[in-house]
């Protein structure tokens, strides 16, 4: 368990999860002292400064680029 917990893929996974969860919890008004302490104990408090609107905008951009590549791939296959 220790090896898996400290592995690079697990660190990336936790980073991606908390980069979404923490700013969302803060944005919807659940940012009380106990919640902040819990995120601090998990080592995820730094994600409180992430802009959730910027994340969503980036997600939309990535999705659009993916869709464009898929349409191009499909049209070249025809």
PDB file of N, CA and C in Angstrom:
ATOM      1  N   UNK A   1       0.821  -1.192   0.000  1.00  0.00           N
ATOM      2  CA  UNK A   1       0.000   0.000   0.000  1.00  0.00           C
ATOM      3  C   UNK A   1       0.868   1.260   0.000  1.00  0.00           C
ATOM      4  N   UNK A   2       1.947   1.231   0.760  1.00  0.00           N
ATOM      5  CA  UNK A   2       2.811   2.405   0.853  1.00  0.00           C
ATOM      6  C   UNK A   2       3.420   2.739  -0.507  1.00  0.00           C
ATOM      7  N   UNK A   3       3.859   1.718  -1.245  1.00  0.00           N
ATOM      8  CA  UNK A   3       4.467   1.938  -2.561  1.00  0.00           C
ATOM      9  C   UNK A   3       3.441   2.557  -3.513  1.00  0.00           C
ATOM     10  N   UNK A   4       2.239   2.016  -3.508  1.00  0.00           N
ATOM     11  CA  UNK A   4       1.185   2.553  -4.377  1.00  0.00           C
ATOM     12  C   UNK A   4       0.818   3.974  -3.956  1.00  0.00           C
ATOM     13  N   UNK A   5       0.666   4.186  -2.675  1.00  0.00           N
ATOM     14  CA  UNK A   5       0.274   5.495  -2.161  1.00  0.00           C
ATOM     15  C   UNK A   5       1.278   6.582  -2.517  1.00  0.00           C
ATOM     16  N   UNK A   6       2.542   6.230  -2.563  1.00  0.00           N
ATOM     17  CA  UNK A   6       3.589   7.214  -2.836  1.00  0.00           C
ATOM     18  C   UNK A   6       4.057   7.210  -4.294  1.00  0.00           C
ATOM     19  N   UNK A   7       3.393   6.430  -5.131  1.00  0.00           N
ATOM     20  CA  UNK A   7       3.798   6.351  -6.540  1.00  0.00           C
ATOM     21  C   UNK A   7       3.442   7.638  -7.286  1.00  0.00           C
ATOM     22  N   UNK A   8       4.169   7.900  -8.331  1.00  0.00           N
ATOM     23  CA  UNK A   8       3.927   9.105  -9.132  1.00  0.00           C
ATOM     24  C   UNK A   8       2.521   9.122  -9.744  1.00  0.00           C
ATOM     25  N   UNK A   9       2.030   8.003 -10.321  1.00  0.00           N
ATOM     26  CA  UNK A   9       0.664   8.038 -10.853  1.00  0.00           C
ATOM     27  C   UNK A   9      -0.388   8.392  -9.788  1.00  0.00           C
ATOM     28  N   UNK A  10      -0.194   7.894  -8.561  1.00  0.00           N
ATOM     29  CA  UNK A  10      -1.145   8.211  -7.490  1.00  0.00           C
ATOM     30  C   UNK A  10      -1.057   9.683  -7.109  1.00  0.00           C
ATOM     31  N   UNK A  11       0.150  10.236  -7.099  1.00  0.00           N
ATOM     32  CA  UNK A  11       0.308  11.661  -6.800  1.00  0.00           C
ATOM     33  C   UNK A  11      -0.378  12.514  -7.862  1.00  0.00           C
ATOM     34  N   UNK A  12      -0.231  12.140  -9.123  1.00  0.00           N
ATOM     35  CA  UNK A  12      -0.886  12.870 -10.216  1.00  0.00           C
ATOM     36  C   UNK A  12      -2.400  12.755 -10.086  1.00  0.00           C
ATOM     37  N   UNK A  13      -2.881  11.553  -9.796  1.00  0.00           N
ATOM     38  CA  UNK A  13      -4.321  11.339  -9.621  1.00  0.00           C
ATOM     39  C   UNK A  13      -4.873  12.218  -8.511  1.00  0.00           C
ATOM     40  N   UNK A  14      -4.217  12.217  -7.348  1.00  0.00           N
ATOM     41  CA  UNK A  14      -4.687  13.033  -6.229  1.00  0.00           C
ATOM     42  C   UNK A  14      -4.652  14.520  -6.586  1.00  0.00           C
ATOM     43  N   UNK A  15      -3.613  14.929  -7.269  1.00  0.00           N
ATOM     44  CA  UNK A  15      -3.499  16.325  -7.666  1.00  0.00           C
ATOM     45  C   UNK A  15      -4.654  16.729  -8.574  1.00  0.00           C
ATOM     46  N   UNK A  16      -4.967  15.891  -9.532  1.00  0.00           N
ATOM     47  CA  UNK A  16      -6.067  16.207 -10.454  1.00  0.00           C
ATOM     48  C   UNK A  16      -7.422  16.203  -9.747  1.00  0.00           C
ATOM     49  N   UNK A  17      -7.614  15.261  -8.870  1.00  0.00           N
ATOM     50  CA  UNK A  17      -8.881  15.198  -8.128  1.00  0.00           C
ATOM     51  C   UNK A  17      -9.041  16.421  -7.234  1.00  0.00           C
ATOM     52  N   UNK A  18      -8.032  16.706  -6.429  1.00  0.00           N
ATOM     53  CA  UNK A  18      -8.134  17.824  -5.496  1.00  0.00           C
ATOM     54  C   UNK A  18      -8.150  19.173  -6.205  1.00  0.00           C
ATOM     55  N   UNK A  19      -7.549  19.262  -7.387  1.00  0.00           N
ATOM     56  CA  UNK A  19      -7.586  20.534  -8.113  1.00  0.00           C
ATOM     57  C   UNK A  19      -9.005  20.860  -8.554  1.00  0.00           C
ATOM     58  N   UNK A  20      -9.879  19.875  -8.574  1.00  0.00           N
ATOM     59  CA  UNK A  20     -11.297  20.079  -8.908  1.00  0.00           C
ATOM     60  C   UNK A  20     -12.154  20.207  -7.658  1.00  0.00           C
ATOM     61  N   UNK A  21     -11.924  19.325  -6.703  1.00  0.00           N
ATOM     62  CA  UNK A  21     -12.779  19.268  -5.517  1.00  0.00           C
ATOM     63  C   UNK A  21     -12.609  20.499  -4.634  1.00  0.00           C
ATOM     64  N   UNK A  22     -11.370  20.856  -4.318  1.00  0.00           N
ATOM     65  CA  UNK A  22     -11.125  21.937  -3.357  1.00  0.00           C
ATOM     66  C   UNK A  22     -11.714  23.268  -3.826  1.00  0.00           C
ATOM     67  N   UNK A  23     -11.426  23.736  -5.053  1.00  0.00           N
ATOM     68  CA  UNK A  23     -12.008  25.016  -5.449  1.00  0.00           C
ATOM     69  C   UNK A  23     -13.534  24.972  -5.569  1.00  0.00           C
ATOM     70  N   UNK A  24     -14.070  23.816  -5.902  1.00  0.00           N
ATOM     71  CA  UNK A  24     -15.527  23.687  -5.993  1.00  0.00           C
ATOM     72  C   UNK A  24     -16.165  23.793  -4.614  1.00  0.00           C
ATOM     73  N   UNK A  25     -15.583  23.108  -3.638  1.00  0.00           N
ATOM     74  CA  UNK A  25     -16.087  23.189  -2.262  1.00  0.00           C
ATOM     75  C   UNK A  25     -16.035  24.639  -1.773  1.00  0.00           C
ATOM     76  N   UNK A  26     -14.961  25.307  -2.057  1.00  0.00           N
ATOM     77  CA  UNK A  26     -14.816  26.717  -1.665  1.00  0.00           C
ATOM     78  C   UNK A  26     -15.833  27.584  -2.401  1.00  0.00           C
ATOM     79  N   UNK A  27     -15.987  27.357  -3.705  1.00  0.00           N
ATOM     80  CA  UNK A  27     -16.878  28.162  -4.542  1.00  0.00           C
ATOM     81  C   UNK A  27     -18.347  28.036  -4.134  1.00  0.00           C
ATOM     82  N   UNK A  28     -18.758  26.873  -3.676  1.00  0.00           N
ATOM     83  CA  UNK A  28     -20.172  26.687  -3.316  1.00  0.00           C
ATOM     84  C   UNK A  28     -20.464  27.036  -1.854  1.00  0.00           C
ATOM     85  N   UNK A  29     -19.451  27.557  -1.169  1.00  0.00           N
ATOM     86  CA  UNK A  29     -19.688  28.089   0.166  1.00  0.00           C
ATOM     87  C   UNK A  29     -19.533  27.119   1.315  1.00  0.00           C
ATOM     88  N   UNK A  30     -18.852  26.028   1.097  1.00  0.00           N
ATOM     89  CA  UNK A  30     -18.642  25.046   2.168  1.00  0.00           C
ATOM     90  C   UNK A  30     -17.244  25.165   2.761  1.00  0.00           C
ATOM     91  N   UNK A  31     -16.690  26.366   2.754  1.00  0.00           N
ATOM     92  CA  UNK A  31     -15.297  26.593   3.092  1.00  0.00           C
ATOM     93  C   UNK A  31     -15.124  26.997   4.554  1.00  0.00           C
ATOM     94  N   UNK A  32     -15.658  26.202   5.450  1.00  0.00           N
ATOM     95  CA  UNK A  32     -15.524  26.485   6.875  1.00  0.00           C
ATOM     96  C   UNK A  32     -14.161  26.079   7.418  1.00  0.00           C
ATOM     97  N   UNK A  33     -13.929  26.423   8.667  1.00  0.00           N
ATOM     98  CA  UNK A  33     -12.655  26.130   9.317  1.00  0.00           C
ATOM     99  C   UNK A  33     -12.339  24.645   9.306  1.00  0.00           C
ATOM    100  N   UNK A  34     -13.305  23.803   9.645  1.00  0.00           N
ATOM    101  CA  UNK A  34     -13.052  22.356   9.700  1.00  0.00           C
ATOM    102  C   UNK A  34     -12.723  21.786   8.324  1.00  0.00           C
ATOM    103  N   UNK A  35     -13.401  22.270   7.313  1.00  0.00           N
ATOM    104  CA  UNK A  35     -13.133  21.805   5.945  1.00  0.00           C
ATOM    105  C   UNK A  35     -11.724  22.222   5.530  1.00  0.00           C
ATOM    106  N   UNK A  36     -11.362  23.463   5.820  1.00  0.00           N
ATOM    107  CA  UNK A  36     -10.017  23.938   5.496  1.00  0.00           C
ATOM    108  C   UNK A  36      -8.955  23.115   6.222  1.00  0.00           C
ATOM    109  N   UNK A  37      -9.202  22.819   7.482  1.00  0.00           N
ATOM    110  CA  UNK A  37      -8.254  22.007   8.248  1.00  0.00           C
ATOM    111  C   UNK A  37      -8.127  20.602   7.664  1.00  0.00           C
ATOM    112  N   UNK A  38      -9.242  20.043   7.220  1.00  0.00           N
ATOM    113  CA  UNK A  38      -9.209  18.701   6.624  1.00  0.00           C
ATOM    114  C   UNK A  38      -8.395  18.696   5.330  1.00  0.00           C
ATOM    115  N   UNK A  39      -8.617  19.691   4.483  1.00  0.00           N
ATOM    116  CA  UNK A  39      -7.843  19.759   3.244  1.00  0.00           C
ATOM    117  C   UNK A  39      -6.368  20.031   3.533  1.00  0.00           C
ATOM    118  N   UNK A  40      -6.087  20.818   4.541  1.00  0.00           N
ATOM    119  CA  UNK A  40      -4.695  21.073   4.930  1.00  0.00           C
ATOM    120  C   UNK A  40      -4.044  19.773   5.402  1.00  0.00           C
ATOM    121  N   UNK A  41      -4.761  18.985   6.188  1.00  0.00           N
ATOM    122  CA  UNK A  41      -4.233  17.709   6.686  1.00  0.00           C
ATOM    123  C   UNK A  41      -3.961  16.729   5.547  1.00  0.00           C
ATOM    124  N   UNK A  42      -4.742  16.825   4.479  1.00  0.00           N
ATOM    125  CA  UNK A  42      -4.547  15.954   3.314  1.00  0.00           C
ATOM    126  C   UNK A  42      -3.484  16.496   2.362  1.00  0.00           C
ATOM    127  N   UNK A  43      -2.982  17.687   2.645  1.00  0.00           N
ATOM    128  CA  UNK A  43      -1.983  18.287   1.775  1.00  0.00           C
ATOM    129  C   UNK A  43      -2.562  18.866   0.506  1.00  0.00           C
ATOM    130  N   UNK A  44      -3.828  19.253   0.553  1.00  0.00           N
ATOM    131  CA  UNK A  44      -4.507  19.734  -0.654  1.00  0.00           C
ATOM    132  C   UNK A  44      -4.975  21.181  -0.538  1.00  0.00           C
ATOM    133  N   UNK A  45      -4.600  21.865   0.508  1.00  0.00           N
ATOM    134  CA  UNK A  45      -5.102  23.221   0.737  1.00  0.00           C
ATOM    135  C   UNK A  45      -4.658  24.192  -0.353  1.00  0.00           C
ATOM    136  N   UNK A  46      -3.511  23.933  -0.994  1.00  0.00           N
ATOM    137  CA  UNK A  46      -3.035  24.856  -2.026  1.00  0.00           C
ATOM    138  C   UNK A  46      -3.984  24.953  -3.219  1.00  0.00           C
ATOM    139  N   UNK A  47      -4.844  23.967  -3.390  1.00  0.00           N
ATOM    140  CA  UNK A  47      -5.787  23.997  -4.503  1.00  0.00           C
ATOM    141  C   UNK A  47      -6.941  24.967  -4.271  1.00  0.00           C
ATOM    142  N   UNK A  48      -7.013  25.551  -3.087  1.00  0.00           N
ATOM    143  CA  UNK A  48      -8.061  26.531  -2.795  1.00  0.00           C
ATOM    144  C   UNK A  48      -7.917  27.767  -3.678  1.00  0.00           C
ATOM    145  N   UNK A  49      -6.713  28.010  -4.177  1.00  0.00           N
ATOM    146  CA  UNK A  49      -6.468  29.189  -5.002  1.00  0.00           C
ATOM    147  C   UNK A  49      -6.720  28.951  -6.487  1.00  0.00           C
ATOM    148  N   UNK A  50      -7.075  27.744  -6.864  1.00  0.00           N
ATOM    149  CA  UNK A  50      -7.356  27.423  -8.263  1.00  0.00           C
ATOM    150  C   UNK A  50      -8.686  28.068  -8.659  1.00  0.00           C
ATOM    151  N   UNK A  51      -8.724  28.636  -9.843  1.00  0.00           N
ATOM    152  CA  UNK A  51      -9.928  29.290 -10.361  1.00  0.00           C
ATOM    153  C   UNK A  51     -10.801  28.255 -11.072  1.00  0.00           C
ATOM    154  N   UNK A  52     -11.959  27.880 -10.495  1.00  0.00           N
ATOM    155  CA  UNK A  52     -12.790  26.847 -11.117  1.00  0.00           C
ATOM    156  C   UNK A  52     -13.300  27.253 -12.505  1.00  0.00           C
ATOM    157  N   UNK A  53     -13.551  28.538 -12.723  1.00  0.00           N
ATOM    158  CA  UNK A  53     -14.017  28.990 -14.043  1.00  0.00           C
ATOM    159  C   UNK A  53     -12.917  28.789 -15.086  1.00  0.00           C
ATOM    160  N   UNK A  54     -11.680  29.030 -14.709  1.00  0.00           N
ATOM    161  CA  UNK A  54     -10.566  28.821 -15.633  1.00  0.00           C
ATOM    162  C   UNK A  54     -10.410  27.335 -15.962  1.00  0.00           C
ATOM    163  N   UNK A  55     -10.619  26.469 -14.960  1.00  0.00           N
ATOM    164  CA  UNK A  55     -10.559  25.026 -15.220  1.00  0.00           C
ATOM    165  C   UNK A  55     -11.625  24.611 -16.217  1.00  0.00           C
ATOM    166  N   UNK A  56     -12.842  25.112 -16.027  1.00  0.00           N
ATOM    167  CA  UNK A  56     -13.927  24.770 -16.942  1.00  0.00           C
ATOM    168  C   UNK A  56     -13.663  25.289 -18.349  1.00  0.00           C
ATOM    169  N   UNK A  57     -13.129  26.499 -18.452  1.00  0.00           N
ATOM    170  CA  UNK A  57     -12.796  27.061 -19.757  1.00  0.00           C
ATOM    171  C   UNK A  57     -11.733  26.215 -20.448  1.00  0.00           C
ATOM    172  N   UNK A  58     -10.740  25.782 -19.686  1.00  0.00           N
ATOM    173  CA  UNK A  58      -9.707  24.927 -20.263  1.00  0.00           C
ATOM    174  C   UNK A  58     -10.285  23.581 -20.682  1.00  0.00           C
ATOM    175  N   UNK A  59     -11.169  23.015 -19.868  1.00  0.00           N
ATOM    176  CA  UNK A  59     -11.823  21.753 -20.231  1.00  0.00           C
ATOM    177  C   UNK A  59     -12.571  21.892 -21.551  1.00  0.00           C
ATOM    178  N   UNK A  60     -13.288  22.999 -21.709  1.00  0.00           N
ATOM    179  CA  UNK A  60     -14.049  23.227 -22.938  1.00  0.00           C
ATOM    180  C   UNK A  60     -13.106  23.339 -24.134  1.00  0.00           C
ATOM    181  N   UNK A  61     -11.987  24.019 -23.949  1.00  0.00           N
ATOM    182  CA  UNK A  61     -11.010  24.172 -25.032  1.00  0.00           C
ATOM    183  C   UNK A  61     -10.428  22.817 -25.418  1.00  0.00           C
ATOM    184  N   UNK A  62     -10.052  22.019 -24.430  1.00  0.00           N
ATOM    185  CA  UNK A  62      -9.486  20.694 -24.701  1.00  0.00           C
ATOM    186  C   UNK A  62     -10.516  19.809 -25.398  1.00  0.00           C
ATOM    187  N   UNK A  63     -11.755  19.854 -24.955  1.00  0.00           N
ATOM    188  CA  UNK A  63     -12.810  19.053 -25.572  1.00  0.00           C
ATOM    189  C   UNK A  63     -13.034  19.470 -27.024  1.00  0.00           C
ATOM    190  N   UNK A  64     -13.022  20.758 -27.290  1.00  0.00           N
ATOM    191  CA  UNK A  64     -13.205  21.252 -28.657  1.00  0.00           C
ATOM    192  C   UNK A  64     -12.055  20.806 -29.558  1.00  0.00           C
ATOM    193  N   UNK A  65     -10.836  20.879 -29.046  1.00  0.00           N
ATOM    194  CA  UNK A  65      -9.678  20.416 -29.823  1.00  0.00           C
ATOM    195  C   UNK A  65      -9.779  18.918 -30.106  1.00  0.00           C
ATOM    196  N   UNK A  66     -10.213  18.162 -29.102  1.00  0.00           N
ATOM    197  CA  UNK A  66     -10.383  16.723 -29.287  1.00  0.00           C
ATOM    198  C   UNK A  66     -11.442  16.441 -30.350  1.00  0.00           C
ATOM    199  N   UNK A  67     -12.578  17.131 -30.255  1.00  0.00           N
ATOM    200  CA  UNK A  67     -13.653  16.937 -31.232  1.00  0.00           C
ATOM    201  C   UNK A  67     -13.181  17.284 -32.641  1.00  0.00           C
ATOM    202  N   UNK A  68     -12.415  18.351 -32.781  1.00  0.00           N
ATOM    203  CA  UNK A  68     -11.893  18.740 -34.097  1.00  0.00           C
ATOM    204  C   UNK A  68     -10.978  17.663 -34.658  1.00  0.00           C
ATOM    205  N   UNK A  69     -10.101  17.124 -33.810  1.00  0.00           N
ATOM    206  CA  UNK A  69      -9.208  16.050 -34.263  1.00  0.00           C
ATOM    207  C   UNK A  69      -9.998  14.809 -34.669  1.00  0.00           C
ATOM    208  N   UNK A  70     -11.052  14.497 -33.910  1.00  0.00           N
ATOM    209  CA  UNK A  70     -11.873  13.331 -34.246  1.00  0.00           C
ATOM    210  C   UNK A  70     -12.592  13.540 -35.575  1.00  0.00           C
ATOM    211  N   UNK A  71     -13.148  14.736 -35.790  1.00  0.00           N
ATOM    212  CA  UNK A  71     -13.833  15.013 -37.063  1.00  0.00           C
ATOM    213  C   UNK A  71     -12.851  14.933 -38.230  1.00  0.00           C
ATOM    214  N   UNK A  72     -11.651  15.462 -38.044  1.00  0.00           N
ATOM    215  CA  UNK A  72     -10.631  15.407 -39.083  1.00  0.00           C
ATOM    216  C   UNK A  72     -10.239  13.974 -39.372  1.00  0.00           C
ATOM    217  N   UNK A  73     -10.068  13.187 -38.323  1.00  0.00           N
ATOM    218  CA  UNK A  73      -9.713  11.780 -38.475  1.00  0.00           C
ATOM    219  C   UNK A  73     -10.810  11.026 -39.211  1.00  0.00           C
ATOM    220  N   UNK A  74     -12.049  11.293 -38.838  1.00  0.00           N
ATOM    221  CA  UNK A  74     -13.182  10.607 -39.483  1.00  0.00           C
ATOM    222  C   UNK A  74     -13.322  11.004 -40.941  1.00  0.00           C
ATOM    223  N   UNK A  75     -13.097  12.269 -41.241  1.00  0.00           N
ATOM    224  CA  UNK A  75     -13.247  12.714 -42.634  1.00  0.00           C
ATOM    225  C   UNK A  75     -12.108  12.197 -43.503  1.00  0.00           C
ATOM    226  N   UNK A  76     -10.919  12.024 -42.946  1.00  0.00           N
ATOM    227  CA  UNK A  76      -9.807  11.486 -43.735  1.00  0.00           C
ATOM    228  C   UNK A  76      -9.940   9.976 -43.932  1.00  0.00           C
ATOM    229  N   UNK A  77     -10.727   9.315 -43.071  1.00  0.00           N
ATOM    230  CA  UNK A  77     -10.938   7.876 -43.192  1.00  0.00           C
ATOM    231  C   UNK A  77     -11.971   7.554 -44.257  1.00  0.00           C
ATOM    232  N   UNK A  78     -12.784   8.531 -44.603  1.00  0.00           N
ATOM    233  CA  UNK A  78     -13.852   8.295 -45.615  1.00  0.00           C
ATOM    234  C   UNK A  78     -13.347   8.231 -46.999  1.00  0.00           C
TER     235      UNK A  78
END
